[in-house]
Structures are given as structure tokens and as C-alpha cells.
Protein backbone atom coordinates (compact mmCIF):
# COMPACT_ATOMS: atom_id res chain seq x y z
CA MET A 1 44.32 62.04 -20.02
CA PRO A 2 44.07 58.48 -21.41
CA ASN A 3 45.61 57.08 -18.21
CA GLU A 4 43.20 59.12 -16.06
CA LYS A 5 40.26 57.81 -18.07
CA GLN A 6 41.56 54.25 -17.84
CA ASN A 7 41.99 54.53 -14.08
CA TYR A 8 38.46 55.93 -13.74
CA TYR A 9 37.02 52.92 -15.51
CA LYS A 10 39.08 50.51 -13.42
CA ASN A 11 37.97 52.18 -10.22
CA ASN A 12 34.34 51.77 -11.21
CA ARG A 13 34.68 48.24 -12.62
CA LEU A 14 34.09 46.53 -9.28
CA LYS A 15 30.85 48.51 -8.72
CA GLN A 16 29.70 47.56 -12.20
CA MET A 17 30.53 43.90 -11.75
CA ARG A 18 28.89 43.79 -8.35
CA ALA A 19 25.73 45.36 -9.82
CA PHE A 20 25.86 42.94 -12.75
CA CYS A 21 26.21 39.85 -10.51
CA GLU A 22 23.41 41.00 -8.23
CA VAL A 23 21.06 41.53 -11.19
CA VAL A 24 21.82 38.00 -12.40
CA ARG A 25 21.14 36.57 -8.93
CA SER A 26 18.01 38.62 -8.31
CA GLY A 27 16.53 38.18 -11.74
CA ASN A 28 15.67 41.86 -12.20
CA ILE A 29 17.08 45.33 -11.69
CA THR A 30 14.58 46.43 -9.05
CA LEU A 31 15.42 43.65 -6.60
CA ALA A 32 19.12 44.05 -7.27
CA ALA A 33 18.94 47.74 -6.51
CA GLN A 34 17.18 47.04 -3.19
CA LYS A 35 19.85 44.52 -2.16
CA LEU A 36 22.64 46.91 -3.13
CA PHE A 37 20.92 49.89 -1.42
CA LEU A 38 21.05 51.79 -4.70
CA SER A 39 18.44 53.40 -6.91
CA GLN A 40 17.17 51.52 -9.92
CA PRO A 41 18.47 54.13 -12.37
CA SER A 42 21.93 53.91 -10.78
CA VAL A 43 22.10 50.14 -11.33
CA THR A 44 20.86 50.54 -14.91
CA LEU A 45 23.54 53.15 -15.63
CA GLN A 46 26.25 50.89 -14.22
CA LEU A 47 25.14 48.03 -16.46
CA GLN A 48 24.99 50.27 -19.51
CA ALA A 49 28.45 51.69 -18.76
CA MET A 50 29.89 48.20 -18.34
CA GLU A 51 28.39 47.01 -21.62
CA ARG A 52 29.68 50.11 -23.40
CA GLU A 53 33.21 49.81 -22.02
CA LEU A 54 33.47 46.08 -22.77
CA GLY A 55 31.68 46.31 -26.10
CA VAL A 56 29.18 43.56 -25.34
CA THR A 57 25.51 43.07 -24.53
CA VAL A 58 25.04 41.00 -21.40
CA PHE A 59 21.25 40.79 -21.21
CA GLU A 60 18.43 40.12 -23.60
CA ARG A 61 15.72 42.49 -22.45
CA ARG A 62 12.19 41.15 -22.89
CA GLY A 63 10.08 43.49 -20.83
CA PRO A 64 10.76 42.92 -17.13
CA VAL A 65 12.50 39.59 -17.86
CA LEU A 66 16.28 39.63 -18.21
CA LYS A 67 18.07 36.70 -19.82
CA LEU A 68 21.85 36.42 -20.10
CA THR A 69 23.33 36.45 -23.54
CA PRO A 70 26.24 34.07 -24.30
CA ASP A 71 28.61 36.98 -23.65
CA GLY A 72 26.75 37.67 -20.42
CA GLU A 73 27.09 34.07 -19.28
CA ALA A 74 30.84 34.12 -19.98
CA LEU A 75 31.27 37.42 -18.11
CA TYR A 76 29.22 36.19 -15.16
CA ALA A 77 31.39 33.08 -14.85
CA LEU A 78 34.46 35.36 -14.61
CA ALA A 79 32.99 38.14 -12.51
CA LYS A 80 31.14 36.12 -9.87
CA PRO A 81 34.16 34.57 -8.07
CA LEU A 82 36.03 37.89 -8.26
CA VAL A 83 33.20 39.86 -6.67
CA GLU A 84 32.59 37.22 -4.01
CA GLY A 85 36.31 37.08 -3.27
CA ILE A 86 36.60 40.85 -2.81
CA ASP A 87 33.44 41.04 -0.72
CA SER A 88 34.68 38.32 1.62
CA LEU A 89 38.33 39.42 1.66
CA GLU A 90 38.25 40.74 5.22
CA GLU A 91 36.55 37.65 6.61
CA ASN A 92 38.86 35.29 4.73
CA PHE A 93 41.95 37.13 5.88
CA ALA A 94 40.75 37.06 9.49
CA ALA A 95 39.94 33.37 9.23
CA GLN A 96 43.40 32.53 7.92
CA HIS A 97 44.84 34.24 10.98
CA GLY A 98 42.60 32.33 13.40
CA LYS A 99 40.15 35.17 14.02
CA LEU A 100 36.80 33.74 13.10
CA ASP A 101 34.84 35.82 15.61
CA SER A 102 32.32 37.80 13.59
CA GLY A 103 29.99 37.61 10.64
CA GLU A 104 26.83 35.67 9.90
CA LEU A 105 25.92 32.14 8.86
CA ASN A 106 22.55 31.18 7.36
CA ILE A 107 21.60 27.51 7.17
CA GLY A 108 18.48 26.07 5.60
CA ALA A 109 17.02 22.80 6.96
CA GLY A 110 13.74 21.02 7.46
CA GLU A 111 12.21 20.43 10.84
CA SER A 112 13.48 16.84 11.09
CA THR A 113 17.03 17.88 10.25
CA ILE A 114 16.87 20.74 12.76
CA LEU A 115 15.60 18.40 15.49
CA TYR A 116 17.76 15.34 14.89
CA ILE A 117 20.79 16.11 12.69
CA LEU A 118 21.99 19.58 13.61
CA PRO A 119 21.77 20.04 17.43
CA GLU A 120 25.26 18.82 18.36
CA ALA A 121 26.97 20.59 15.45
CA VAL A 122 25.09 23.81 16.25
CA ARG A 123 25.98 23.52 19.94
CA ARG A 124 29.70 23.12 19.15
CA PHE A 125 29.69 25.90 16.57
CA VAL A 126 27.94 28.44 18.83
CA SER A 127 30.16 27.51 21.74
CA ALA A 128 33.35 27.91 19.71
CA HIS A 129 32.25 31.05 17.80
CA PRO A 130 29.84 33.11 19.96
CA GLY A 131 30.51 36.23 17.91
CA ILE A 132 29.05 34.73 14.71
CA GLN A 133 25.34 35.22 14.22
CA LEU A 134 23.85 31.87 13.29
CA LYS A 135 20.43 31.74 11.64
CA ILE A 136 18.65 28.45 10.95
CA HIS A 137 15.85 28.74 8.42
CA ASN A 138 13.13 26.09 8.61
CA GLU A 139 12.90 25.60 4.85
CA THR A 140 12.72 22.36 2.90
CA GLY A 141 12.48 21.08 -0.65
CA ARG A 142 12.04 23.61 -3.40
CA ASP A 143 11.75 26.52 -0.97
CA GLY A 144 15.15 25.76 0.52
CA LEU A 145 16.67 25.36 -2.95
CA LYS A 146 15.23 28.72 -4.03
CA MET A 147 16.81 30.44 -1.01
CA LEU A 148 20.10 28.71 -1.81
CA ARG A 149 19.99 29.81 -5.46
CA ASP A 150 19.12 33.35 -4.40
CA ASP A 151 22.05 33.43 -1.96
CA ASP A 152 19.68 34.04 0.95
CA ILE A 153 21.31 31.12 2.78
CA ASP A 154 24.85 29.73 2.71
CA LEU A 155 24.00 26.05 2.63
CA VAL A 156 21.25 23.51 3.21
CA VAL A 157 21.46 20.41 5.36
CA GLY A 158 18.93 17.79 4.43
CA SER A 159 17.98 14.82 2.29
CA MET A 160 17.86 14.74 -1.52
CA LEU A 161 16.56 12.19 -3.98
CA ASP A 162 17.14 14.12 -7.20
CA VAL A 163 20.08 16.52 -7.45
CA PRO A 164 19.62 19.41 -9.96
CA ASP A 165 22.47 20.27 -12.31
CA ASP A 166 23.32 23.46 -10.45
CA ILE A 167 23.40 21.80 -7.03
CA THR A 168 25.89 19.52 -5.29
CA TYR A 169 24.96 17.04 -2.57
CA GLN A 170 27.43 15.56 -0.11
CA PRO A 171 26.01 12.79 2.12
CA VAL A 172 27.03 12.97 5.75
CA VAL A 173 24.97 10.36 7.61
CA THR A 174 22.42 7.68 6.78
CA PHE A 175 19.54 6.06 8.70
CA ASP A 176 17.24 3.11 8.19
CA PRO A 177 13.56 3.23 7.22
CA VAL A 178 11.00 1.84 9.69
CA LEU A 179 7.28 1.35 9.78
CA ILE A 180 5.58 2.71 12.88
CA ALA A 181 2.12 1.65 14.03
CA PRO A 182 -0.03 1.97 17.18
CA LEU A 183 0.45 -0.57 19.95
CA GLY A 184 -1.54 -3.71 19.23
CA HIS A 185 -1.83 -2.97 15.49
CA PRO A 186 -2.46 -6.09 13.35
CA LEU A 187 0.85 -5.60 11.51
CA SER A 188 2.69 -6.03 14.78
CA LEU A 189 1.48 -9.62 14.89
CA GLU A 190 2.63 -10.49 11.39
CA PRO A 191 5.73 -12.70 11.08
CA GLU A 192 6.67 -10.72 7.94
CA VAL A 193 5.44 -7.29 6.97
CA THR A 194 5.17 -6.92 3.20
CA LEU A 195 4.37 -3.88 1.07
CA GLU A 196 1.08 -5.52 0.10
CA LYS A 197 0.07 -5.81 3.76
CA ILE A 198 1.12 -2.19 4.40
CA SER A 199 -1.01 -1.03 1.46
CA GLN A 200 -4.15 -2.25 3.25
CA TYR A 201 -3.84 0.47 5.91
CA GLY A 202 -4.00 4.27 5.69
CA LEU A 203 -0.67 6.07 5.86
CA ILE A 204 0.27 9.30 7.57
CA LEU A 205 2.96 11.04 5.53
CA PRO A 206 4.69 14.42 5.24
CA PRO A 207 3.40 16.78 2.51
CA ARG A 208 3.60 15.31 -0.98
CA HIS A 209 6.22 17.74 -2.29
CA LEU A 210 8.79 16.37 0.18
CA SER A 211 11.13 13.45 -0.49
CA THR A 212 9.45 10.94 1.88
CA TRP A 213 6.20 10.95 -0.07
CA ARG A 214 8.06 10.60 -3.35
CA MET A 215 10.11 7.69 -2.08
CA VAL A 216 7.03 5.87 -0.76
CA LYS A 217 5.25 6.42 -4.06
CA TYR A 218 8.23 5.20 -6.05
CA VAL A 219 8.68 1.97 -4.04
CA PHE A 220 4.99 1.10 -4.19
CA GLN A 221 4.84 1.81 -7.92
CA GLN A 222 7.84 -0.45 -8.49
CA HIS A 223 5.81 -3.31 -6.98
CA ASN A 224 2.59 -2.36 -8.83
CA LEU A 225 0.88 -1.43 -5.59
CA THR A 226 -1.12 1.58 -4.48
CA PHE A 227 -1.41 3.17 -1.08
CA THR A 228 -3.84 5.47 0.70
CA VAL A 229 -2.85 8.57 2.63
CA THR A 230 -5.32 9.36 5.41
CA LEU A 231 -3.43 12.37 6.73
CA GLU A 232 -0.67 14.73 5.63
CA ALA A 233 1.34 16.15 8.52
CA GLY A 234 4.61 18.04 8.70
CA GLY A 235 7.41 16.78 10.90
CA TRP A 236 8.22 13.37 12.35
CA GLU A 237 7.19 14.37 15.87
CA VAL A 238 3.71 15.31 14.68
CA ILE A 239 3.44 12.13 12.64
CA LYS A 240 4.49 9.96 15.59
CA LYS A 241 1.88 11.61 17.78
CA TYR A 242 -0.95 10.92 15.35
CA VAL A 243 0.20 7.34 14.87
CA GLU A 244 0.13 6.86 18.65
CA LEU A 245 -3.46 8.14 18.57
CA GLY A 246 -4.38 5.34 16.15
CA MET A 247 -5.04 7.57 13.16
CA GLY A 248 -2.84 5.56 10.81
CA ILE A 249 0.58 4.04 10.28
CA SER A 250 3.65 5.70 8.81
CA ILE A 251 7.02 5.09 7.21
CA VAL A 252 9.72 7.18 8.84
CA THR A 253 13.49 7.33 9.25
CA ASP A 254 14.69 5.77 12.46
CA ILE A 255 16.68 8.85 13.37
CA CYS A 256 13.43 10.21 14.86
CA MET A 257 12.85 7.23 17.18
CA THR A 258 13.92 7.81 20.78
CA GLY A 259 12.69 4.54 22.24
CA CYS A 260 10.18 6.33 24.44
CA GLU A 261 7.34 6.29 21.94
CA ARG A 262 4.27 4.15 22.55
CA LEU A 263 4.56 2.65 19.08
CA VAL A 264 5.34 -0.56 17.27
CA ARG A 265 8.56 -0.25 15.25
CA ILE A 266 9.07 -2.58 12.27
CA PRO A 267 12.26 -2.44 10.14
CA LEU A 268 11.72 -1.91 6.40
CA LYS A 269 15.27 -2.20 5.04
CA GLN A 270 14.18 -5.01 2.76
CA HIS A 271 11.73 -2.67 1.00
CA PHE A 272 13.09 0.89 1.28
CA PRO A 273 16.60 2.31 0.84
CA GLN A 274 18.47 4.01 3.63
CA ARG A 275 17.82 7.72 4.02
CA GLY A 276 20.82 10.02 3.67
CA TYR A 277 21.20 13.48 5.12
CA GLY A 278 23.97 15.79 3.97
CA LEU A 279 25.20 19.09 2.66
CA VAL A 280 23.36 20.79 -0.20
CA LEU A 281 25.30 23.57 -1.95
CA ARG A 282 24.99 25.66 -5.08
CA LYS A 283 27.68 24.78 -7.58
CA GLY A 284 30.37 27.43 -7.76
CA ARG A 285 29.19 29.08 -4.55
CA HIS A 286 32.11 30.51 -2.58
CA LEU A 287 31.60 29.32 0.96
CA SER A 288 32.31 31.89 3.64
CA PRO A 289 34.82 31.05 6.38
CA GLN A 290 31.86 30.71 8.78
CA ALA A 291 30.20 28.15 6.49
CA ARG A 292 33.42 26.22 6.02
CA ARG A 293 33.92 26.06 9.79
CA PHE A 294 30.39 24.75 10.29
CA VAL A 295 30.97 22.05 7.65
CA GLU A 296 34.15 21.01 9.49
CA ILE A 297 32.26 20.76 12.78
CA LEU A 298 29.40 18.79 11.17
CA TYR A 299 31.98 16.34 9.78
CA GLU A 300 33.56 16.03 13.20
CA VAL A 301 30.22 15.24 14.83
CA TYR A 302 29.55 12.38 12.40
CA GLY A 303 33.16 11.11 12.36
CA ILE A 304 34.05 11.88 8.76
CA ASP A 305 37.86 11.72 9.22
CA GLY A 306 37.67 14.74 11.53
CA THR A 307 38.54 16.88 8.48
CA THR A 308 36.83 18.34 5.44
CA PRO A 309 38.67 16.88 2.41
CA GLU A 310 35.64 17.40 0.17
CA VAL A 311 35.82 21.15 0.63
CA SER A 312 38.15 22.70 -1.89
CA ASP A 313 40.25 25.83 -1.45
CA ARG A 314 37.45 27.87 -2.97
CA GLY A 315 35.02 26.36 -0.50
CA SER A 316 32.63 24.47 -2.76
CA ILE A 317 31.92 20.77 -2.53
CA PRO A 318 32.10 18.88 -5.80
CA ALA A 319 29.39 16.49 -6.91
């Protein structure tokens, strides 16, 4: 009888750990139950059984808010890679045998990254792996990070100024900053364009929660200057259009310049740092074979040794 009881607990341990990990990721039992296609009482019972069998309390329960106890944090660190490894066992096995022909890949990226950084990598990936369902989510900044932390997407490709402690950022490609202005704008006649001269004209910038606004603000503050924003607009293509119409000037990354624009283009490397775009991952996240393959292709596109040395055996990219 003791052996039968022990085997029963072992057989149910994976279900308990999966429920536990999903509750941690989701933040509450109701959402976890929905993602696991279980009832809320069922998830609650699994958590209670796990705590009873291990002799620990994993959550501090304060109404609807669940907070991990120290024991809970230690258990999550052990359980998370095990659950992810079991859940992706079939895909990993197939990938090791050269059969990466199914599954799903979710990538988060802003409009600029989708338009200018990803097209060739996406084209190669889809061509090589037509059986994999690729979804590109137009999400940036804090929204993209939330989806990454909630495991709604596998990775983010974009630009980061500040890297949170639970996130890793691996630069892939950099571009130079440029000032764009309408044809015939007074700045186009200046022998040298300074920040003080730029500050005299209204700027068109992306929304203030994005990195471009923050970088512009930081640089101007460092020189004790202020600037005026006459229009907030999302996306470089939109911004270029409104600059062409004479509604203001803007500071953009030269990746968005095709040479066909009816604009004045003035380099700003002396004032602003280069803008990097790269891979944004959650620390400890086990990358799926599909995600690892996309990273390899992205590296190939931008000539990073043709390999992915930064990706470890467990699939996460270190800071």
C-alpha cells in the first residue's frame, strides 16, 4: 500500500506543478484555471494537495492577491524548467531530429521593427518552416514586456534603453540618428545643426512612453535645453509623412529612410547615440525550438557569425 500511495502522488505531481507554475505566471487561480482548461476548484485542490504532500506553504493569500512565500519561490525555481521541459519534450525531440515542421511562434515587436528589422528574417523563416504558425504581435514598450512576462509571446524584437532585472537584451543591429525636416526648412541651410537650434522648432515624436521620446528628453536635459512637441504620432512612416507636410521636424533612426522621401536628412551622431535593435527575452525562459530557429535566422540576416553562440542549451540568452 505505501508504494501504491507513493506512485499515486508521483503520477499527480506533474499536474500539481503545472497548476502551480500557471498560477504564478497568471497571478491568480481563476486565470490559471482558464489557461489550463480546468475548473477553479480543481486548481485549488491541486495546490492544496501539493502543499500538504511537500509540507510547505507556497502562497501568502491576501484576498484575491497571491504572493509567493520563500518556499514558494524556491519551488517555482525548481518546478518551472521541469514543467516547461516536459511540455516541450515532443517539439524538442523532433527538432533534434531535424523535424521542425509544426508548432507556433509568437513574436512581439513595434511597428518600426516589423517594417524595417524583421521582413527578411520572417521571409526566410516562413519559407523554411511553412508548417509553423508564426504570429507577429504589434506591441511595444511596457505592453510587449507584459506579454513576455505572461508567456503570451516567445520573444520581443525591439529597442531598449533600460533593461529590467527579469529581462535580458541582446543587441543585433544598430542605426544612426538623423534629423528630418521639410524641403527648404531653415535648418537645411545651417552649416552646423545644434541642439539649441533644433529646440527652436516643434518636434513630431512617437508617444511619450516609447524609447524615442525618452532619449530625446534625456539628451536635451543633459544640455539644459527644452523642446516642444507639436504632434505625437505612432510609427516612422506616419511621422515622415507629417514632416513632409510641414507640420514639424523629427528625430528618427535612419533605418526608416529609403531615399525616396521628400525630406531634408541631417545626421545627428554628434548629439544622439546610435539606436540598437535586438532580442528581448525573459530571464530563465525556455525558448522553444521554433523560437531558437528564428533567432538563428535573425542572426544570419544581420551577419552575426552565422550562428547563435549567445543562445545556451536551455535556450535563454544571458545578459
